[in-house]
Amino acid sequence: MKRILLAVCLAALLPTLALAQTANPKAKVDPKNNKVSRPVVEKPKPVLMTRDELRDCFKRQDANAAEAKAVLEAEAAHKAEREKILADKEALTKEADAIGANVIAIKNEQAEILKSYEEIKAKLPDLKKKEQQELLDGYSARAKEHDAKIDAHNKRKDAYQAIAATFDPRIEAYNKLGKDLETRSLDHLDAVDLWKKQCGNKPYDEADEIAVKKEMAAAAAASAGK
């Protein structure tokens, strides 16, 4: 039985080409009424695809469908990466602002501590030894706490810079992936168009279809069993 191979992957179905009929030049003329009898138009016998051609078309159809799915998944992942990059960029901007504000706070506190040191030096000569020690101990504790804040700030700044250093290469990789995906999508559409041209709406024998699909199923099962 003759069947038609349809485009069932991404591409839309191609319309079947219909040829306009013309009058049969060999039609007989009735001499009594001089009317032309109904022409008999012989339909050309369809040329069926060979089994090898059919097998190739089915394989390419499956490959196109698999590639369509892969491209969609890659595009979804690319979109998700874009959202993550935007979120990370916002977080980095906020962290940079916080680090900048912390620098100002630390410098202001440092100025206050230095001022208190000068005030303590001026008071020391008039104080008893115990009172002097209390002031010096208080200053030392405050200075030590301030040094700890500086150390914490520097660690935070280093961590920020380490992340920021990877951000530009990450954006470059994202942009390159976008261009590669665009090329991949166009290549896929070209493959689908070529399939429609070479395989779409082409007649073939149903017996060949059954045989080809059976052998393809057996090959898939064998591959899955490895």
C-alpha atoms as a PDB file:
ATOM      1  CA  MET A   1       0.000   0.000   0.000  1.00  0.00           C
ATOM      2  CA  LYS A   2       1.331   3.463  -0.897  1.00  0.00           C
ATOM      3  CA  ARG A   3       1.744   5.972   1.903  1.00  0.00           C
ATOM      4  CA  ILE A   4       3.033   9.544   2.152  1.00  0.00           C
ATOM      5  CA  LEU A   5       5.879  10.597   4.418  1.00  0.00           C
ATOM      6  CA  LEU A   6       4.778  13.649   6.397  1.00  0.00           C
ATOM      7  CA  ALA A   7       6.822  16.226   8.231  1.00  0.00           C
ATOM      8  CA  VAL A   8       6.114  15.585  11.893  1.00  0.00           C
ATOM      9  CA  CYS A   9       9.048  17.347  13.550  1.00  0.00           C
ATOM     10  CA  LEU A  10       9.377  21.108  13.939  1.00  0.00           C
ATOM     11  CA  ALA A  11       8.449  22.038  10.401  1.00  0.00           C
ATOM     12  CA  ALA A  12       4.910  22.596   9.197  1.00  0.00           C
ATOM     13  CA  LEU A  13       3.430  20.118   6.717  1.00  0.00           C
ATOM     14  CA  LEU A  14       4.126  20.888   3.091  1.00  0.00           C
ATOM     15  CA  PRO A  15       1.098  21.169   0.780  1.00  0.00           C
ATOM     16  CA  THR A  16       0.787  18.530  -1.890  1.00  0.00           C
ATOM     17  CA  LEU A  17       1.564  19.963  -5.291  1.00  0.00           C
ATOM     18  CA  ALA A  18      -1.385  19.868  -7.717  1.00  0.00           C
ATOM     19  CA  LEU A  19      -0.864  20.304 -11.465  1.00  0.00           C
ATOM     20  CA  ALA A  20      -3.440  22.082 -13.608  1.00  0.00           C
ATOM     21  CA  GLN A  21      -5.110  19.842 -16.146  1.00  0.00           C
ATOM     22  CA  THR A  22      -4.982  20.684 -19.852  1.00  0.00           C
ATOM     23  CA  ALA A  23      -7.179  19.502 -22.700  1.00  0.00           C
ATOM     24  CA  ASN A  24      -6.190  16.216 -24.280  1.00  0.00           C
ATOM     25  CA  PRO A  25      -4.972  17.006 -27.813  1.00  0.00           C
ATOM     26  CA  LYS A  26      -5.836  13.432 -28.861  1.00  0.00           C
ATOM     27  CA  ALA A  27      -9.467  13.650 -27.747  1.00  0.00           C
ATOM     28  CA  LYS A  28     -11.966  12.364 -30.377  1.00  0.00           C
ATOM     29  CA  VAL A  29     -14.418  14.768 -32.031  1.00  0.00           C
ATOM     30  CA  ASP A  30     -18.055  13.808 -32.622  1.00  0.00           C
ATOM     31  CA  PRO A  31     -18.694  14.741 -36.303  1.00  0.00           C
ATOM     32  CA  LYS A  32     -22.458  15.201 -35.696  1.00  0.00           C
ATOM     33  CA  ASN A  33     -22.356  17.839 -32.993  1.00  0.00           C
ATOM     34  CA  ASN A  34     -18.728  18.804 -33.347  1.00  0.00           C
ATOM     35  CA  LYS A  35     -18.319  18.560 -29.587  1.00  0.00           C
ATOM     36  CA  VAL A  36     -15.206  17.321 -27.900  1.00  0.00           C
ATOM     37  CA  SER A  37     -15.734  14.187 -25.887  1.00  0.00           C
ATOM     38  CA  ARG A  38     -14.602  14.093 -22.247  1.00  0.00           C
ATOM     39  CA  PRO A  39     -10.807  13.795 -22.266  1.00  0.00           C
ATOM     40  CA  VAL A  40      -9.225  10.866 -20.577  1.00  0.00           C
ATOM     41  CA  VAL A  41      -6.279  12.088 -18.483  1.00  0.00           C
ATOM     42  CA  GLU A  42      -3.910   9.382 -17.427  1.00  0.00           C
ATOM     43  CA  LYS A  43      -2.466   9.970 -13.968  1.00  0.00           C
ATOM     44  CA  PRO A  44       1.278   9.486 -13.825  1.00  0.00           C
ATOM     45  CA  LYS A  45       2.298   6.519 -11.759  1.00  0.00           C
ATOM     46  CA  PRO A  46       3.826   7.774  -8.477  1.00  0.00           C
ATOM     47  CA  VAL A  47       7.478   7.027  -7.928  1.00  0.00           C
ATOM     48  CA  LEU A  48       7.855   5.451  -4.510  1.00  0.00           C
ATOM     49  CA  MET A  49      10.830   6.065  -2.271  1.00  0.00           C
ATOM     50  CA  THR A  50      13.268   3.212  -2.049  1.00  0.00           C
ATOM     51  CA  ARG A  51      13.690   1.472   1.291  1.00  0.00           C
ATOM     52  CA  ASP A  52      17.129   3.029   1.721  1.00  0.00           C
ATOM     53  CA  GLU A  53      15.705   6.501   1.043  1.00  0.00           C
ATOM     54  CA  LEU A  54      12.864   5.864   3.468  1.00  0.00           C
ATOM     55  CA  ARG A  55      15.271   4.630   6.148  1.00  0.00           C
ATOM     56  CA  ASP A  56      17.421   7.748   5.714  1.00  0.00           C
ATOM     57  CA  CYS A  57      14.366  10.020   5.963  1.00  0.00           C
ATOM     58  CA  PHE A  58      13.124   8.339   9.134  1.00  0.00           C
ATOM     59  CA  LYS A  59      16.556   8.574  10.747  1.00  0.00           C
ATOM     60  CA  ARG A  60      16.885  12.241   9.837  1.00  0.00           C
ATOM     61  CA  GLN A  61      13.373  12.873  11.116  1.00  0.00           C
ATOM     62  CA  ASP A  62      14.281  11.335  14.490  1.00  0.00           C
ATOM     63  CA  ALA A  63      17.549  13.260  14.571  1.00  0.00           C
ATOM     64  CA  ASN A  64      15.750  16.534  13.830  1.00  0.00           C
ATOM     65  CA  ALA A  65      13.217  15.861  16.591  1.00  0.00           C
ATOM     66  CA  ALA A  66      15.999  15.069  19.087  1.00  0.00           C
ATOM     67  CA  GLU A  67      17.924  18.185  18.077  1.00  0.00           C
ATOM     68  CA  ALA A  68      14.790  20.324  18.430  1.00  0.00           C
ATOM     69  CA  LYS A  69      14.362  19.089  22.003  1.00  0.00           C
ATOM     70  CA  ALA A  70      18.052  19.631  22.779  1.00  0.00           C
ATOM     71  CA  VAL A  71      17.988  23.171  21.386  1.00  0.00           C
ATOM     72  CA  LEU A  72      14.926  24.071  23.447  1.00  0.00           C
ATOM     73  CA  GLU A  73      16.573  22.695  26.593  1.00  0.00           C
ATOM     74  CA  ALA A  74      19.790  24.592  25.849  1.00  0.00           C
ATOM     75  CA  GLU A  75      17.843  27.808  25.267  1.00  0.00           C
ATOM     76  CA  ALA A  76      15.984  27.327  28.561  1.00  0.00           C
ATOM     77  CA  ALA A  77      19.298  26.807  30.381  1.00  0.00           C
ATOM     78  CA  HIS A  78      20.723  29.897  28.679  1.00  0.00           C
ATOM     79  CA  LYS A  79      17.735  31.947  29.816  1.00  0.00           C
ATOM     80  CA  ALA A  80      18.090  30.640  33.380  1.00  0.00           C
ATOM     81  CA  GLU A  81      21.785  31.586  33.346  1.00  0.00           C
ATOM     82  CA  ARG A  82      20.843  35.098  32.250  1.00  0.00           C
ATOM     83  CA  GLU A  83      18.465  35.452  35.189  1.00  0.00           C
ATOM     84  CA  LYS A  84      21.159  34.183  37.568  1.00  0.00           C
ATOM     85  CA  ILE A  85      23.757  36.565  36.151  1.00  0.00           C
ATOM     86  CA  LEU A  86      21.404  39.513  36.622  1.00  0.00           C
ATOM     87  CA  ALA A  87      20.661  38.443  40.197  1.00  0.00           C
ATOM     88  CA  ASP A  88      24.367  37.944  40.974  1.00  0.00           C
ATOM     89  CA  LYS A  89      25.200  41.322  39.430  1.00  0.00           C
ATOM     90  CA  GLU A  90      22.650  43.005  41.674  1.00  0.00           C
ATOM     91  CA  ALA A  91      24.064  41.181  44.707  1.00  0.00           C
ATOM     92  CA  LEU A  92      27.623  42.226  43.783  1.00  0.00           C
ATOM     93  CA  THR A  93      26.531  45.846  43.386  1.00  0.00           C
ATOM     94  CA  LYS A  94      24.932  45.807  46.826  1.00  0.00           C
ATOM     95  CA  GLU A  95      28.036  44.198  48.324  1.00  0.00           C
ATOM     96  CA  ALA A  96      30.275  46.824  46.723  1.00  0.00           C
ATOM     97  CA  ASP A  97      28.091  49.570  48.168  1.00  0.00           C
ATOM     98  CA  ALA A  98      28.193  47.927  51.612  1.00  0.00           C
ATOM     99  CA  ILE A  99      31.992  47.582  51.479  1.00  0.00           C
ATOM    100  CA  GLY A 100      32.321  51.227  50.485  1.00  0.00           C
ATOM    101  CA  ALA A 101      30.090  52.307  53.372  1.00  0.00           C
ATOM    102  CA  ASN A 102      32.114  50.114  55.732  1.00  0.00           C
ATOM    103  CA  VAL A 103      35.337  51.830  54.636  1.00  0.00           C
ATOM    104  CA  ILE A 104      33.866  55.215  55.566  1.00  0.00           C
ATOM    105  CA  ALA A 105      32.663  53.894  58.943  1.00  0.00           C
ATOM    106  CA  ILE A 106      36.047  52.359  59.760  1.00  0.00           C
ATOM    107  CA  LYS A 107      37.913  55.542  58.822  1.00  0.00           C
ATOM    108  CA  ASN A 108      35.572  57.652  60.953  1.00  0.00           C
ATOM    109  CA  GLU A 109      36.032  55.305  63.898  1.00  0.00           C
ATOM    110  CA  GLN A 110      39.781  55.347  63.389  1.00  0.00           C
ATOM    111  CA  ALA A 111      39.790  59.119  63.502  1.00  0.00           C
ATOM    112  CA  GLU A 112      37.813  59.051  66.760  1.00  0.00           C
ATOM    113  CA  ILE A 113      40.233  56.552  68.337  1.00  0.00           C
ATOM    114  CA  LEU A 114      43.241  58.660  67.358  1.00  0.00           C
ATOM    115  CA  LYS A 115      41.544  61.718  68.807  1.00  0.00           C
ATOM    116  CA  SER A 116      40.850  59.850  72.049  1.00  0.00           C
ATOM    117  CA  TYR A 117      44.498  58.808  72.168  1.00  0.00           C
ATOM    118  CA  GLU A 118      45.608  62.427  72.060  1.00  0.00           C
ATOM    119  CA  GLU A 119      43.119  63.270  74.802  1.00  0.00           C
ATOM    120  CA  ILE A 120      44.421  60.395  76.957  1.00  0.00           C
ATOM    121  CA  LYS A 121      48.034  61.530  76.509  1.00  0.00           C
ATOM    122  CA  ALA A 122      47.059  64.981  77.692  1.00  0.00           C
ATOM    123  CA  LYS A 123      45.332  63.593  80.803  1.00  0.00           C
ATOM    124  CA  LEU A 124      47.965  61.060  81.861  1.00  0.00           C
ATOM    125  CA  PRO A 125      50.311  63.416  83.741  1.00  0.00           C
ATOM    126  CA  ASP A 126      47.484  64.525  86.053  1.00  0.00           C
ATOM    127  CA  LEU A 127      46.215  61.026  86.854  1.00  0.00           C
ATOM    128  CA  LYS A 128      47.237  58.410  89.339  1.00  0.00           C
ATOM    129  CA  LYS A 129      48.925  55.292  88.086  1.00  0.00           C
ATOM    130  CA  LYS A 130      45.794  53.176  88.446  1.00  0.00           C
ATOM    131  CA  GLU A 131      43.698  55.734  86.561  1.00  0.00           C
ATOM    132  CA  GLN A 132      46.344  55.961  83.862  1.00  0.00           C
ATOM    133  CA  GLN A 133      46.321  52.189  83.444  1.00  0.00           C
ATOM    134  CA  GLU A 134      42.549  52.125  83.188  1.00  0.00           C
ATOM    135  CA  LEU A 135      42.565  54.717  80.402  1.00  0.00           C
ATOM    136  CA  LEU A 136      45.368  52.929  78.550  1.00  0.00           C
ATOM    137  CA  ASP A 137      43.645  49.567  78.880  1.00  0.00           C
ATOM    138  CA  GLY A 138      40.393  51.058  77.585  1.00  0.00           C
ATOM    139  CA  TYR A 139      42.216  52.573  74.628  1.00  0.00           C
ATOM    140  CA  SER A 140      44.050  49.316  73.871  1.00  0.00           C
ATOM    141  CA  ALA A 141      40.791  47.315  73.948  1.00  0.00           C
ATOM    142  CA  ARG A 142      39.111  49.767  71.608  1.00  0.00           C
ATOM    143  CA  ALA A 143      42.125  49.796  69.273  1.00  0.00           C
ATOM    144  CA  LYS A 144      42.220  45.987  69.258  1.00  0.00           C
ATOM    145  CA  GLU A 145      38.518  45.812  68.441  1.00  0.00           C
ATOM    146  CA  HIS A 146      39.082  48.312  65.633  1.00  0.00           C
ATOM    147  CA  ASP A 147      41.930  46.210  64.213  1.00  0.00           C
ATOM    148  CA  ALA A 148      39.595  43.192  64.185  1.00  0.00           C
ATOM    149  CA  LYS A 149      37.062  45.227  62.180  1.00  0.00           C
ATOM    150  CA  ILE A 150      39.785  46.131  59.679  1.00  0.00           C
ATOM    151  CA  ASP A 151      40.804  42.467  59.310  1.00  0.00           C
ATOM    152  CA  ALA A 152      37.168  41.432  58.784  1.00  0.00           C
ATOM    153  CA  HIS A 153      36.706  44.229  56.265  1.00  0.00           C
ATOM    154  CA  ASN A 154      39.784  43.196  54.284  1.00  0.00           C
ATOM    155  CA  LYS A 155      38.633  39.561  54.167  1.00  0.00           C
ATOM    156  CA  ARG A 156      35.208  40.665  52.953  1.00  0.00           C
ATOM    157  CA  LYS A 157      36.795  42.893  50.313  1.00  0.00           C
ATOM    158  CA  ASP A 158      39.067  40.069  49.113  1.00  0.00           C
ATOM    159  CA  ALA A 159      36.096  37.706  48.831  1.00  0.00           C
ATOM    160  CA  TYR A 160      34.175  40.308  46.843  1.00  0.00           C
ATOM    161  CA  GLN A 161      37.089  40.927  44.494  1.00  0.00           C
ATOM    162  CA  ALA A 162      37.520  37.184  43.909  1.00  0.00           C
ATOM    163  CA  ILE A 163      33.888  36.871  42.824  1.00  0.00           C
ATOM    164  CA  ALA A 164      33.960  40.100  40.809  1.00  0.00           C
ATOM    165  CA  ALA A 165      37.055  38.878  38.932  1.00  0.00           C
ATOM    166  CA  THR A 166      35.066  35.922  37.575  1.00  0.00           C
ATOM    167  CA  PHE A 167      32.061  37.989  36.537  1.00  0.00           C
ATOM    168  CA  ASP A 168      33.339  39.434  33.248  1.00  0.00           C
ATOM    169  CA  PRO A 169      34.574  36.027  31.942  1.00  0.00           C
ATOM    170  CA  ARG A 170      31.218  34.597  32.959  1.00  0.00           C
ATOM    171  CA  ILE A 171      29.387  37.234  30.905  1.00  0.00           C
ATOM    172  CA  GLU A 172      31.705  36.600  27.946  1.00  0.00           C
ATOM    173  CA  ALA A 173      30.964  32.872  28.158  1.00  0.00           C
ATOM    174  CA  TYR A 174      27.226  33.608  28.338  1.00  0.00           C
ATOM    175  CA  ASN A 175      27.369  35.830  25.240  1.00  0.00           C
ATOM    176  CA  LYS A 176      29.410  33.247  23.307  1.00  0.00           C
ATOM    177  CA  LEU A 177      26.930  30.529  24.238  1.00  0.00           C
ATOM    178  CA  GLY A 178      24.120  32.744  22.963  1.00  0.00           C
ATOM    179  CA  LYS A 179      25.816  33.132  19.574  1.00  0.00           C
ATOM    180  CA  ASP A 180      26.534  29.393  19.402  1.00  0.00           C
ATOM    181  CA  LEU A 181      22.893  28.661  20.207  1.00  0.00           C
ATOM    182  CA  GLU A 182      21.728  31.015  17.475  1.00  0.00           C
ATOM    183  CA  THR A 183      23.947  29.228  14.958  1.00  0.00           C
ATOM    184  CA  ARG A 184      22.764  25.843  16.215  1.00  0.00           C
ATOM    185  CA  SER A 185      19.107  26.875  15.872  1.00  0.00           C
ATOM    186  CA  LEU A 186      19.636  28.108  12.308  1.00  0.00           C
ATOM    187  CA  ASP A 187      21.469  24.900  11.401  1.00  0.00           C
ATOM    188  CA  HIS A 188      18.572  22.890  12.818  1.00  0.00           C
ATOM    189  CA  LEU A 189      16.016  24.875  10.800  1.00  0.00           C
ATOM    190  CA  ASP A 190      18.123  24.344   7.672  1.00  0.00           C
ATOM    191  CA  ALA A 191      18.145  20.594   8.377  1.00  0.00           C
ATOM    192  CA  VAL A 192      14.363  20.598   8.775  1.00  0.00           C
ATOM    193  CA  ASP A 193      13.893  22.544   5.533  1.00  0.00           C
ATOM    194  CA  LEU A 194      16.165  20.096   3.713  1.00  0.00           C
ATOM    195  CA  TRP A 195      14.184  17.179   5.167  1.00  0.00           C
ATOM    196  CA  LYS A 196      10.934  18.705   3.906  1.00  0.00           C
ATOM    197  CA  LYS A 197      12.456  19.143   0.468  1.00  0.00           C
ATOM    198  CA  GLN A 198      13.912  15.641   0.215  1.00  0.00           C
ATOM    199  CA  CYS A 199      11.452  13.627   2.313  1.00  0.00           C
ATOM    200  CA  GLY A 200       8.246  15.548   3.005  1.00  0.00           C
ATOM    201  CA  ASN A 201       5.072  14.315   1.279  1.00  0.00           C
ATOM    202  CA  LYS A 202       7.018  11.692  -0.631  1.00  0.00           C
ATOM    203  CA  PRO A 203       5.114   8.436  -1.315  1.00  0.00           C
ATOM    204  CA  TYR A 204       6.492   5.138  -0.096  1.00  0.00           C
ATOM    205  CA  ASP A 205       5.399   1.541   0.326  1.00  0.00           C
ATOM    206  CA  GLU A 206       3.810   0.651   3.663  1.00  0.00           C
ATOM    207  CA  ALA A 207       5.676  -2.650   3.706  1.00  0.00           C
ATOM    208  CA  ASP A 208       8.958  -0.756   3.546  1.00  0.00           C
ATOM    209  CA  GLU A 209       7.826   1.444   6.448  1.00  0.00           C
ATOM    210  CA  ILE A 210       7.047  -1.592   8.603  1.00  0.00           C
ATOM    211  CA  ALA A 211      10.399  -3.185   7.802  1.00  0.00           C
ATOM    212  CA  VAL A 212      12.416  -0.021   8.378  1.00  0.00           C
ATOM    213  CA  LYS A 213      10.717   0.844  11.674  1.00  0.00           C
ATOM    214  CA  LYS A 214      11.190  -2.720  12.890  1.00  0.00           C
ATOM    215  CA  GLU A 215      14.918  -2.656  12.222  1.00  0.00           C
ATOM    216  CA  MET A 216      15.252   0.832  13.762  1.00  0.00           C
ATOM    217  CA  ALA A 217      13.434  -0.343  16.891  1.00  0.00           C
ATOM    218  CA  ALA A 218      15.730  -3.370  17.119  1.00  0.00           C
ATOM    219  CA  ALA A 219      18.811  -1.140  16.737  1.00  0.00           C
ATOM    220  CA  ALA A 220      17.524   1.215  19.454  1.00  0.00           C
ATOM    221  CA  ALA A 221      16.870  -1.694  21.818  1.00  0.00           C
ATOM    222  CA  ALA A 222      20.337  -3.106  21.190  1.00  0.00           C
ATOM    223  CA  SER A 223      21.912   0.294  21.828  1.00  0.00           C
ATOM    224  CA  ALA A 224      19.955   0.741  25.057  1.00  0.00           C
ATOM    225  CA  GLY A 225      21.067  -2.683  26.263  1.00  0.00           C
ATOM    226  CA  LYS A 226      24.762  -1.837  26.032  1.00  0.00           C
END
